[in-house]
Amino acid sequence: MINRVVLVGRLTKDPEFRTTPSGVDVATFTLAVNRNFKSKNGEQQADFINCVVFRKQAENVNNYLNKGSLAGVDGRLQSRSYENKEGQRVFVTEVVADSVQFLEPKNNNQQNNQPQQQQGQAPAGNNPFGNASDDISESELPF
């Protein structure tokens, strides 16, 4: 059986951090993950996926991620249920993260007021693969 989840998205709010009575650090956060298509109105669609991470990774998430941070999560899908204060059964599905990758510098979100470059384009002058000429003949390809 396989239960593996890999996500890349942005945090919808700052992580919530707590320590359990047994001393285990826990951080929970929600990732907004864009879908590969847009709505009929041309709006970007996203899924909002709850994630939980434990111990040292939880501490790191709490210290280095905040609302809007781009993060990669590798983990497993878990579902559980509990009874709330009104006596109703509540079902929860979440990703239990084995690894959380910080995909932007820590202070990058403070620079959100600056115009962003289009996805897939390198900043001018920083493209290590830039050629004086974009034409490459098939004989120059190594395969």
Protein backbone atom coordinates (compact mmCIF):
# COMPACT_ATOMS: atom_id res chain seq x y z
CA MET A 1 0.00 0.00 0.00
CA ILE A 2 1.14 3.55 -0.70
CA ASN A 3 0.12 6.69 1.15
CA ARG A 4 2.33 9.54 -0.03
CA VAL A 5 1.51 13.22 -0.54
CA VAL A 6 3.72 15.90 -2.06
CA LEU A 7 2.42 19.49 -2.08
CA VAL A 8 3.72 22.93 -2.93
CA GLY A 9 1.64 25.92 -1.89
CA ARG A 10 1.37 29.06 0.19
CA LEU A 11 0.32 29.28 3.84
CA THR A 12 -3.11 30.87 4.26
CA LYS A 13 -2.22 32.20 7.73
CA ASP A 14 0.57 31.96 10.27
CA PRO A 15 1.17 28.44 11.62
CA GLU A 16 -0.46 27.51 14.91
CA PHE A 17 2.10 26.13 17.35
CA ARG A 18 1.53 24.27 20.59
CA THR A 19 3.14 21.69 22.82
CA THR A 20 1.17 18.60 23.86
CA PRO A 21 0.89 17.61 27.54
CA SER A 22 3.49 14.92 26.82
CA GLY A 23 5.94 17.58 25.56
CA VAL A 24 5.69 17.06 21.78
CA ASP A 25 5.79 20.24 19.67
CA VAL A 26 3.02 20.45 17.04
CA ALA A 27 2.47 23.00 14.28
CA THR A 28 -0.63 23.10 12.09
CA PHE A 29 -1.09 25.18 8.97
CA THR A 30 -3.15 25.30 5.81
CA LEU A 31 -1.60 25.33 2.34
CA ALA A 32 -3.36 26.91 -0.62
CA VAL A 33 -2.38 24.77 -3.60
CA ASN A 34 -3.33 26.06 -7.05
CA ARG A 35 -5.19 23.75 -9.39
CA ASN A 36 -3.96 23.23 -12.95
CA PHE A 37 -6.97 25.01 -14.42
CA LYS A 38 -9.01 28.17 -13.98
CA SER A 39 -12.74 28.67 -13.47
CA LYS A 40 -15.12 29.67 -16.28
CA ASN A 41 -14.55 33.29 -15.21
CA GLY A 42 -10.79 32.89 -15.62
CA GLU A 43 -10.11 32.89 -11.88
CA GLN A 44 -7.39 30.68 -10.42
CA GLN A 45 -8.80 27.78 -8.40
CA ALA A 46 -7.06 26.41 -5.30
CA ASP A 47 -7.43 23.65 -2.75
CA PHE A 48 -6.90 24.45 0.93
CA ILE A 49 -5.14 21.53 2.56
CA ASN A 50 -4.64 21.18 6.32
CA CYS A 51 -1.17 20.02 7.38
CA VAL A 52 0.31 19.01 10.71
CA VAL A 53 3.98 18.56 11.61
CA PHE A 54 5.64 17.41 14.82
CA ARG A 55 8.79 17.88 16.92
CA LYS A 56 11.76 19.84 15.52
CA GLN A 57 10.09 20.36 12.14
CA ALA A 58 7.13 21.94 13.99
CA GLU A 59 9.49 24.35 15.73
CA ASN A 60 11.15 25.22 12.41
CA VAL A 61 7.78 25.80 10.72
CA ASN A 62 6.76 28.09 13.57
CA ASN A 63 10.03 30.04 13.39
CA TYR A 64 10.47 30.37 9.63
CA LEU A 65 7.06 30.28 7.92
CA ASN A 66 4.23 32.77 8.03
CA LYS A 67 1.16 33.76 6.05
CA GLY A 68 1.98 33.73 2.32
CA SER A 69 5.18 31.69 2.63
CA LEU A 70 5.82 29.21 -0.18
CA ALA A 71 6.40 25.74 1.26
CA GLY A 72 6.80 22.18 0.06
CA VAL A 73 5.32 19.36 2.12
CA ASP A 74 6.13 15.67 1.86
CA GLY A 75 4.05 13.36 4.02
CA ARG A 76 1.04 11.09 4.27
CA LEU A 77 -2.71 11.59 4.25
CA GLN A 78 -4.46 10.82 7.53
CA SER A 79 -8.12 10.85 8.50
CA ARG A 80 -9.44 10.84 12.02
CA SER A 81 -12.59 11.72 13.91
CA TYR A 82 -13.52 13.09 17.31
CA GLU A 83 -16.61 14.19 19.19
CA ASN A 84 -16.99 17.96 19.62
CA LYS A 85 -18.48 19.85 22.57
CA GLU A 86 -21.99 19.53 21.10
CA GLY A 87 -21.63 15.76 20.92
CA GLN A 88 -21.35 15.66 17.12
CA ARG A 89 -18.84 13.44 15.35
CA VAL A 90 -16.31 15.56 13.39
CA PHE A 91 -14.19 14.01 10.63
CA VAL A 92 -10.79 15.50 9.79
CA THR A 93 -8.51 14.74 6.85
CA GLU A 94 -5.02 16.23 6.96
CA VAL A 95 -1.49 15.73 5.71
CA VAL A 96 0.95 14.57 8.37
CA ALA A 97 4.21 16.07 7.14
CA ASP A 98 7.43 14.09 7.31
CA SER A 99 9.31 16.99 5.76
CA VAL A 100 8.56 20.68 5.19
CA GLN A 101 10.76 22.61 2.77
CA PHE A 102 10.99 26.39 2.93
CA LEU A 103 10.96 27.46 -0.70
CA GLU A 104 11.57 31.19 -0.25
CA PRO A 105 13.93 33.30 1.81
CA LYS A 106 12.47 34.17 5.22
CA ASN A 107 11.96 37.89 4.48
CA ASN A 108 10.59 37.40 0.97
CA ASN A 109 6.98 38.05 2.05
CA GLN A 110 7.95 41.54 3.21
CA GLN A 111 8.87 42.32 -0.39
CA ASN A 112 5.40 41.48 -1.75
CA ASN A 113 4.82 45.14 -2.65
CA GLN A 114 7.42 44.89 -5.40
CA PRO A 115 6.32 43.65 -8.83
CA GLN A 116 6.86 39.93 -9.28
CA GLN A 117 8.37 38.37 -12.37
CA GLN A 118 6.38 35.93 -14.43
CA GLN A 119 6.67 32.26 -13.51
CA GLY A 120 9.41 30.47 -15.38
CA GLN A 121 11.38 33.61 -16.27
CA ALA A 122 14.77 34.33 -14.77
CA PRO A 123 15.60 37.91 -13.81
CA ALA A 124 17.40 39.82 -16.52
CA GLY A 125 21.14 39.24 -16.38
CA ASN A 126 20.91 36.24 -14.03
CA ASN A 127 20.05 33.52 -16.53
CA PRO A 128 22.99 31.08 -16.57
CA PHE A 129 21.48 29.37 -19.61
CA GLY A 130 21.01 32.56 -21.60
CA ASN A 131 22.67 32.53 -24.99
CA ALA A 132 23.54 35.41 -27.25
CA SER A 133 21.55 33.50 -29.83
CA ASP A 134 18.49 31.42 -29.00
CA ASP A 135 18.95 29.30 -32.11
CA ILE A 136 20.53 25.89 -31.42
CA SER A 137 20.93 23.43 -34.21
CA GLU A 138 20.10 19.78 -33.68
CA SER A 139 23.76 18.87 -34.26
CA GLU A 140 24.67 20.79 -31.07
CA LEU A 141 22.33 18.74 -28.90
CA PRO A 142 24.00 15.92 -26.94
CA PHE A 143 21.19 13.43 -27.60
